[in-house]
PDB file of all heavy atoms in Angstrom:
ATOM      1  N   LEU A   1     106.489 -49.653  28.336  1.00  0.00           N
ATOM      2  CA  LEU A   1     107.351 -49.297  29.454  1.00  0.00           C
ATOM      3  C   LEU A   1     108.037 -50.530  30.033  1.00  0.00           C
ATOM      4  O   LEU A   1     109.227 -50.506  30.339  1.00  0.00           O
ATOM      5  CB  LEU A   1     106.535 -48.591  30.533  1.00  0.00           C
ATOM      6  CG  LEU A   1     106.066 -47.178  30.188  1.00  0.00           C
ATOM      7  CD1 LEU A   1     104.952 -46.746  31.130  1.00  0.00           C
ATOM      8  CD2 LEU A   1     107.225 -46.199  30.241  1.00  0.00           C
ATOM      9  N   ALA A   2     107.292 -51.613  30.171  1.00  0.00           N
ATOM     10  CA  ALA A   2     107.846 -52.828  30.768  1.00  0.00           C
ATOM     11  C   ALA A   2     108.871 -53.508  29.865  1.00  0.00           C
ATOM     12  O   ALA A   2     109.691 -54.291  30.345  1.00  0.00           O
ATOM     13  CB  ALA A   2     106.716 -53.807  31.093  1.00  0.00           C
ATOM     14  N   SER A   3     108.844 -53.207  28.580  1.00  0.00           N
ATOM     15  CA  SER A   3     109.723 -53.877  27.619  1.00  0.00           C
ATOM     16  C   SER A   3     111.154 -53.384  27.655  1.00  0.00           C
ATOM     17  O   SER A   3     112.036 -54.004  27.054  1.00  0.00           O
ATOM     18  CB  SER A   3     109.171 -53.678  26.204  1.00  0.00           C
ATOM     19  OG  SER A   3     109.349 -52.333  25.791  1.00  0.00           O
ATOM     20  N   GLY A   4     111.413 -52.271  28.330  1.00  0.00           N
ATOM     21  CA  GLY A   4     112.741 -51.674  28.305  1.00  0.00           C
ATOM     22  C   GLY A   4     112.940 -50.699  27.169  1.00  0.00           C
ATOM     23  O   GLY A   4     114.061 -50.239  26.928  1.00  0.00           O
ATOM     24  N   THR A   5     111.870 -50.349  26.458  1.00  0.00           N
ATOM     25  CA  THR A   5     111.979 -49.431  25.331  1.00  0.00           C
ATOM     26  C   THR A   5     112.205 -48.017  25.822  1.00  0.00           C
ATOM     27  O   THR A   5     111.320 -47.399  26.431  1.00  0.00           O
ATOM     28  CB  THR A   5     110.707 -49.482  24.458  1.00  0.00           C
ATOM     29  OG1 THR A   5     110.522 -50.812  23.964  1.00  0.00           O
ATOM     30  CG2 THR A   5     110.814 -48.521  23.281  1.00  0.00           C
ATOM     31  N   ALA A   6     113.395 -47.481  25.558  1.00  0.00           N
ATOM     32  CA  ALA A   6     113.688 -46.094  25.903  1.00  0.00           C
ATOM     33  C   ALA A   6     113.157 -45.145  24.849  1.00  0.00           C
ATOM     34  O   ALA A   6     112.804 -44.003  25.154  1.00  0.00           O
ATOM     35  CB  ALA A   6     115.194 -45.894  26.062  1.00  0.00           C
ATOM     36  N   ALA A   7     113.091 -45.602  23.597  1.00  0.00           N
ATOM     37  CA  ALA A   7     112.565 -44.766  22.518  1.00  0.00           C
ATOM     38  C   ALA A   7     112.161 -45.640  21.356  1.00  0.00           C
ATOM     39  O   ALA A   7     112.722 -46.716  21.143  1.00  0.00           O
ATOM     40  CB  ALA A   7     113.607 -43.741  22.054  1.00  0.00           C
ATOM     41  N   THR A   8     111.171 -45.172  20.608  1.00  0.00           N
ATOM     42  CA  THR A   8     110.728 -45.886  19.424  1.00  0.00           C
ATOM     43  C   THR A   8     110.458 -44.905  18.302  1.00  0.00           C
ATOM     44  O   THR A   8     109.873 -43.841  18.529  1.00  0.00           O
ATOM     45  CB  THR A   8     109.468 -46.731  19.723  1.00  0.00           C
ATOM     46  OG1 THR A   8     109.076 -47.434  18.553  1.00  0.00           O
ATOM     47  CG2 THR A   8     108.314 -45.895  20.236  1.00  0.00           C
ATOM     48  N   ASN A   9     110.921 -45.241  17.123  1.00  0.00           N
ATOM     49  CA  ASN A   9     110.622 -44.462  15.922  1.00  0.00           C
ATOM     50  C   ASN A   9     109.189 -44.780  15.521  1.00  0.00           C
ATOM     51  O   ASN A   9     108.908 -45.851  14.994  1.00  0.00           O
ATOM     52  CB  ASN A   9     111.602 -44.823  14.808  1.00  0.00           C
ATOM     53  CG  ASN A   9     111.235 -44.197  13.471  1.00  0.00           C
ATOM     54  OD1 ASN A   9     110.527 -43.200  13.403  1.00  0.00           O
ATOM     55  ND2 ASN A   9     111.736 -44.782  12.399  1.00  0.00           N
ATOM     56  N   THR A  10     108.289 -43.862  15.807  1.00  0.00           N
ATOM     57  CA  THR A  10     106.862 -44.080  15.629  1.00  0.00           C
ATOM     58  C   THR A  10     106.429 -43.557  14.262  1.00  0.00           C
ATOM     59  O   THR A  10     106.600 -42.376  13.959  1.00  0.00           O
ATOM     60  CB  THR A  10     106.078 -43.345  16.733  1.00  0.00           C
ATOM     61  OG1 THR A  10     106.541 -43.799  18.001  1.00  0.00           O
ATOM     62  CG2 THR A  10     104.588 -43.587  16.609  1.00  0.00           C
ATOM     63  N   THR A  11     105.880 -44.439  13.439  1.00  0.00           N
ATOM     64  CA  THR A  11     105.442 -44.034  12.110  1.00  0.00           C
ATOM     65  C   THR A  11     104.237 -43.113  12.220  1.00  0.00           C
ATOM     66  O   THR A  11     103.192 -43.485  12.746  1.00  0.00           O
ATOM     67  CB  THR A  11     105.073 -45.249  11.254  1.00  0.00           C
ATOM     68  OG1 THR A  11     106.238 -46.053  11.077  1.00  0.00           O
ATOM     69  CG2 THR A  11     104.554 -44.826   9.888  1.00  0.00           C
ATOM     70  N   ILE A  12     104.394 -41.894  11.727  1.00  0.00           N
ATOM     71  CA  ILE A  12     103.291 -40.952  11.631  1.00  0.00           C
ATOM     72  C   ILE A  12     103.251 -40.449  10.194  1.00  0.00           C
ATOM     73  O   ILE A  12     104.117 -40.748   9.374  1.00  0.00           O
ATOM     74  CB  ILE A  12     103.441 -39.784  12.626  1.00  0.00           C
ATOM     75  CG1 ILE A  12     104.670 -38.914  12.280  1.00  0.00           C
ATOM     76  CG2 ILE A  12     103.566 -40.293  14.049  1.00  0.00           C
ATOM     77  CD1 ILE A  12     104.792 -37.673  13.123  1.00  0.00           C
ATOM     78  N   GLY A  13     102.232 -39.672   9.883  1.00  0.00           N
ATOM     79  CA  GLY A  13     102.165 -39.070   8.558  1.00  0.00           C
ATOM     80  C   GLY A  13     101.740 -40.046   7.479  1.00  0.00           C
ATOM     81  O   GLY A  13     101.390 -41.198   7.727  1.00  0.00           O
ATOM     82  N   TYR A  14     101.801 -39.566   6.265  1.00  0.00           N
ATOM     83  CA  TYR A  14     101.332 -40.309   5.085  1.00  0.00           C
ATOM     84  C   TYR A  14     102.262 -41.478   4.773  1.00  0.00           C
ATOM     85  O   TYR A  14     103.486 -41.322   4.751  1.00  0.00           O
ATOM     86  CB  TYR A  14     101.271 -39.362   3.892  1.00  0.00           C
ATOM     87  CG  TYR A  14     100.834 -40.016   2.605  1.00  0.00           C
ATOM     88  CD1 TYR A  14      99.490 -40.171   2.309  1.00  0.00           C
ATOM     89  CD2 TYR A  14     101.776 -40.474   1.684  1.00  0.00           C
ATOM     90  CE1 TYR A  14      99.072 -40.766   1.124  1.00  0.00           C
ATOM     91  CE2 TYR A  14     101.377 -41.073   0.503  1.00  0.00           C
ATOM     92  CZ  TYR A  14     100.023 -41.215   0.227  1.00  0.00           C
ATOM     93  OH  TYR A  14      99.620 -41.810  -0.941  1.00  0.00           O
ATOM     94  N   VAL A  15     101.651 -42.639   4.508  1.00  0.00           N
ATOM     95  CA  VAL A  15     102.393 -43.798   4.003  1.00  0.00           C
ATOM     96  C   VAL A  15     101.893 -44.167   2.612  1.00  0.00           C
ATOM     97  O   VAL A  15     102.659 -44.257   1.664  1.00  0.00           O
ATOM     98  CB  VAL A  15     102.279 -45.002   4.961  1.00  0.00           C
ATOM     99  CG1 VAL A  15     103.014 -46.214   4.380  1.00  0.00           C
ATOM    100  CG2 VAL A  15     102.854 -44.659   6.328  1.00  0.00           C
ATOM    101  N   ALA A  16     100.590 -44.358   2.489  1.00  0.00           N
ATOM    102  CA  ALA A  16      99.967 -44.682   1.200  1.00  0.00           C
ATOM    103  C   ALA A  16      98.483 -44.394   1.324  1.00  0.00           C
ATOM    104  O   ALA A  16      97.941 -44.320   2.430  1.00  0.00           O
ATOM    105  CB  ALA A  16     100.200 -46.143   0.830  1.00  0.00           C
ATOM    106  N   GLY A  17      97.823 -44.225   0.180  1.00  0.00           N
ATOM    107  CA  GLY A  17      96.388 -44.016   0.208  1.00  0.00           C
ATOM    108  C   GLY A  17      95.954 -42.779  -0.543  1.00  0.00           C
ATOM    109  O   GLY A  17      96.778 -42.072  -1.137  1.00  0.00           O
ATOM    110  N   PRO A  18      94.640 -42.476  -0.510  1.00  0.00           N
ATOM    111  CA  PRO A  18      94.103 -41.376  -1.318  1.00  0.00           C
ATOM    112  C   PRO A  18      94.256 -39.995  -0.693  1.00  0.00           C
ATOM    113  O   PRO A  18      93.966 -38.984  -1.334  1.00  0.00           O
ATOM    114  CB  PRO A  18      92.613 -41.740  -1.424  1.00  0.00           C
ATOM    115  CG  PRO A  18      92.324 -42.478  -0.149  1.00  0.00           C
ATOM    116  CD  PRO A  18      93.583 -43.251   0.154  1.00  0.00           C
ATOM    117  N   GLU A  19      94.703 -39.916   0.561  1.00  0.00           N
ATOM    118  CA  GLU A  19      94.795 -38.630   1.233  1.00  0.00           C
ATOM    119  C   GLU A  19      95.860 -37.739   0.596  1.00  0.00           C
ATOM    120  O   GLU A  19      96.811 -38.219  -0.020  1.00  0.00           O
ATOM    121  CB  GLU A  19      95.132 -38.820   2.721  1.00  0.00           C
ATOM    122  CG  GLU A  19      94.149 -39.673   3.500  1.00  0.00           C
ATOM    123  CD  GLU A  19      94.496 -41.151   3.452  1.00  0.00           C
ATOM    124  OE1 GLU A  19      95.453 -41.510   2.722  1.00  0.00           O
ATOM    125  OE2 GLU A  19      93.819 -41.947   4.123  1.00  0.00           O
ATOM    126  N   ASP A  20      95.713 -36.431   0.769  1.00  0.00           N
ATOM    127  CA  ASP A  20      96.773 -35.517   0.351  1.00  0.00           C
ATOM    128  C   ASP A  20      97.965 -35.731   1.283  1.00  0.00           C
ATOM    129  O   ASP A  20      97.842 -35.535   2.503  1.00  0.00           O
ATOM    130  CB  ASP A  20      96.295 -34.071   0.437  1.00  0.00           C
ATOM    131  CG  ASP A  20      97.400 -33.099   0.064  1.00  0.00           C
ATOM    132  OD1 ASP A  20      97.587 -32.858  -1.139  1.00  0.00           O
ATOM    133  OD2 ASP A  20      98.094 -32.608   0.973  1.00  0.00           O
ATOM    134  N   PRO A  21      99.121 -36.133   0.757  1.00  0.00           N
ATOM    135  CA  PRO A  21     100.237 -36.492   1.635  1.00  0.00           C
ATOM    136  C   PRO A  21     100.689 -35.367   2.563  1.00  0.00           C
ATOM    137  O   PRO A  21     100.993 -35.612   3.735  1.00  0.00           O
ATOM    138  CB  PRO A  21     101.347 -36.887   0.655  1.00  0.00           C
ATOM    139  CG  PRO A  21     100.621 -37.343  -0.569  1.00  0.00           C
ATOM    140  CD  PRO A  21      99.427 -36.443  -0.668  1.00  0.00           C
ATOM    141  N   PHE A  22     100.719 -34.133   2.057  1.00  0.00           N
ATOM    142  CA  PHE A  22     101.207 -33.026   2.876  1.00  0.00           C
ATOM    143  C   PHE A  22     100.222 -32.690   3.986  1.00  0.00           C
ATOM    144  O   PHE A  22     100.580 -32.618   5.170  1.00  0.00           O
ATOM    145  CB  PHE A  22     101.469 -31.807   2.004  1.00  0.00           C
ATOM    146  CG  PHE A  22     102.014 -30.624   2.775  1.00  0.00           C
ATOM    147  CD1 PHE A  22     103.341 -30.589   3.153  1.00  0.00           C
ATOM    148  CD2 PHE A  22     101.190 -29.558   3.113  1.00  0.00           C
ATOM    149  CE1 PHE A  22     103.858 -29.509   3.865  1.00  0.00           C
ATOM    150  CE2 PHE A  22     101.686 -28.474   3.827  1.00  0.00           C
ATOM    151  CZ  PHE A  22     103.024 -28.454   4.210  1.00  0.00           C
ATOM    152  N   GLU A  23      98.962 -32.487   3.628  1.00  0.00           N
ATOM    153  CA  GLU A  23      97.963 -32.115   4.624  1.00  0.00           C
ATOM    154  C   GLU A  23      97.788 -33.210   5.672  1.00  0.00           C
ATOM    155  O   GLU A  23      97.671 -32.927   6.875  1.00  0.00           O
ATOM    156  CB  GLU A  23      96.633 -31.811   3.939  1.00  0.00           C
ATOM    157  CG  GLU A  23      96.665 -30.554   3.079  1.00  0.00           C
ATOM    158  CD  GLU A  23      95.324 -30.244   2.452  1.00  0.00           C
ATOM    159  OE1 GLU A  23      94.346 -30.978   2.748  1.00  0.00           O
ATOM    160  OE2 GLU A  23      95.235 -29.276   1.676  1.00  0.00           O
ATOM    161  N   TYR A  24      97.755 -34.451   5.224  1.00  0.00           N
ATOM    162  CA  TYR A  24      97.605 -35.581   6.152  1.00  0.00           C
ATOM    163  C   TYR A  24      98.768 -35.606   7.141  1.00  0.00           C
ATOM    164  O   TYR A  24      98.574 -35.806   8.347  1.00  0.00           O
ATOM    165  CB  TYR A  24      97.553 -36.879   5.360  1.00  0.00           C
ATOM    166  CG  TYR A  24      97.372 -38.127   6.199  1.00  0.00           C
ATOM    167  CD1 TYR A  24      96.119 -38.687   6.386  1.00  0.00           C
ATOM    168  CD2 TYR A  24      98.469 -38.752   6.802  1.00  0.00           C
ATOM    169  CE1 TYR A  24      95.951 -39.832   7.160  1.00  0.00           C
ATOM    170  CE2 TYR A  24      98.308 -39.889   7.578  1.00  0.00           C
ATOM    171  CZ  TYR A  24      97.053 -40.428   7.740  1.00  0.00           C
ATOM    172  OH  TYR A  24      96.894 -41.552   8.505  1.00  0.00           O
ATOM    173  N   SER A  25      99.974 -35.408   6.649  1.00  0.00           N
ATOM    174  CA  SER A  25     101.160 -35.508   7.495  1.00  0.00           C
ATOM    175  C   SER A  25     101.212 -34.383   8.520  1.00  0.00           C
ATOM    176  O   SER A  25     101.552 -34.613   9.687  1.00  0.00           O
ATOM    177  CB  SER A  25     102.424 -35.512   6.634  1.00  0.00           C
ATOM    178  OG  SER A  25     102.406 -36.613   5.749  1.00  0.00           O
ATOM    179  N   VAL A  26     100.881 -33.170   8.107  1.00  0.00           N
ATOM    180  CA  VAL A  26     100.853 -32.053   9.054  1.00  0.00           C
ATOM    181  C   VAL A  26      99.828 -32.323  10.151  1.00  0.00           C
ATOM    182  O   VAL A  26     100.093 -32.115  11.341  1.00  0.00           O
ATOM    183  CB  VAL A  26     100.547 -30.728   8.328  1.00  0.00           C
ATOM    184  CG1 VAL A  26     100.285 -29.614   9.329  1.00  0.00           C
ATOM    185  CG2 VAL A  26     101.702 -30.341   7.412  1.00  0.00           C
ATOM    186  N   ALA A  27      98.655 -32.816   9.759  1.00  0.00           N
ATOM    187  CA  ALA A  27      97.613 -33.109  10.742  1.00  0.00           C
ATOM    188  C   ALA A  27      98.049 -34.198  11.707  1.00  0.00           C
ATOM    189  O   ALA A  27      97.750 -34.147  12.913  1.00  0.00           O
ATOM    190  CB  ALA A  27      96.317 -33.509  10.028  1.00  0.00           C
ATOM    191  N   ASP A  28      98.773 -35.196  11.209  1.00  0.00           N
ATOM    192  CA  ASP A  28      99.182 -36.302  12.071  1.00  0.00           C
ATOM    193  C   ASP A  28     100.296 -35.879  13.023  1.00  0.00           C
ATOM    194  O   ASP A  28     100.359 -36.359  14.160  1.00  0.00           O
ATOM    195  CB  ASP A  28      99.618 -37.500  11.232  1.00  0.00           C
ATOM    196  CG  ASP A  28      99.375 -38.829  11.945  1.00  0.00           C
ATOM    197  OD1 ASP A  28      98.488 -38.873  12.824  1.00  0.00           O
ATOM    198  OD2 ASP A  28     100.062 -39.810  11.630  1.00  0.00           O
ATOM    199  N   VAL A  29     101.188 -34.995  12.592  1.00  0.00           N
ATOM    200  CA  VAL A  29     102.183 -34.447  13.518  1.00  0.00           C
ATOM    201  C   VAL A  29     101.475 -33.756  14.676  1.00  0.00           C
ATOM    202  O   VAL A  29     101.813 -33.948  15.852  1.00  0.00           O
ATOM    203  CB  VAL A  29     103.123 -33.470  12.794  1.00  0.00           C
ATOM    204  CG1 VAL A  29     103.989 -32.723  13.811  1.00  0.00           C
ATOM    205  CG2 VAL A  29     104.014 -34.200  11.797  1.00  0.00           C
ATOM    206  N   SER A  30     100.472 -32.967  14.349  1.00  0.00           N
ATOM    207  CA  SER A  30      99.721 -32.253  15.383  1.00  0.00           C
ATOM    208  C   SER A  30      99.021 -33.237  16.319  1.00  0.00           C
ATOM    209  O   SER A  30      99.018 -33.067  17.545  1.00  0.00           O
ATOM    210  CB  SER A  30      98.696 -31.325  14.724  1.00  0.00           C
ATOM    211  OG  SER A  30      97.912 -30.671  15.692  1.00  0.00           O
ATOM    212  N   ARG A  31      98.429 -34.284  15.746  1.00  0.00           N
ATOM    213  CA  ARG A  31      97.741 -35.273  16.577  1.00  0.00           C
ATOM    214  C   ARG A  31      98.705 -35.927  17.553  1.00  0.00           C
ATOM    215  O   ARG A  31      98.400 -36.098  18.740  1.00  0.00           O
ATOM    216  CB  ARG A  31      97.082 -36.338  15.691  1.00  0.00           C
ATOM    217  CG  ARG A  31      96.270 -37.367  16.478  1.00  0.00           C
ATOM    218  CD  ARG A  31      95.582 -38.349  15.546  1.00  0.00           C
ATOM    219  NE  ARG A  31      96.490 -39.337  15.006  1.00  0.00           N
ATOM    220  CZ  ARG A  31      96.713 -40.535  15.544  1.00  0.00           C
ATOM    221  NH1 ARG A  31      96.104 -40.885  16.664  1.00  0.00           N
ATOM    222  NH2 ARG A  31      97.539 -41.385  14.984  1.00  0.00           N
ATOM    223  N   TRP A  32      99.905 -36.288  17.076  1.00  0.00           N
ATOM    224  CA  TRP A  32     100.853 -36.952  17.963  1.00  0.00           C
ATOM    225  C   TRP A  32     101.412 -36.008  19.012  1.00  0.00           C
ATOM    226  O   TRP A  32     101.715 -36.424  20.132  1.00  0.00           O
ATOM    227  CB  TRP A  32     101.961 -37.626  17.150  1.00  0.00           C
ATOM    228  CG  TRP A  32     101.589 -39.043  16.921  1.00  0.00           C
ATOM    229  CD1 TRP A  32     100.949 -39.577  15.845  1.00  0.00           C
ATOM    230  CD2 TRP A  32     101.769 -40.112  17.851  1.00  0.00           C
ATOM    231  NE1 TRP A  32     100.720 -40.914  16.036  1.00  0.00           N
ATOM    232  CE2 TRP A  32     101.217 -41.270  17.251  1.00  0.00           C
ATOM    233  CE3 TRP A  32     102.329 -40.221  19.111  1.00  0.00           C
ATOM    234  CZ2 TRP A  32     101.217 -42.509  17.895  1.00  0.00           C
ATOM    235  CZ3 TRP A  32     102.337 -41.450  19.757  1.00  0.00           C
ATOM    236  CH2 TRP A  32     101.786 -42.580  19.143  1.00  0.00           C
TER     237      TRP A  32
END
């Protein structure tokens, strides 16, 4: 808030790793 950031593109969902990309991403959308 103090930085002046009005908005930030926040990385969510699958990037890399052993998880199922689709299931992981849906779950992370819900978490956020």
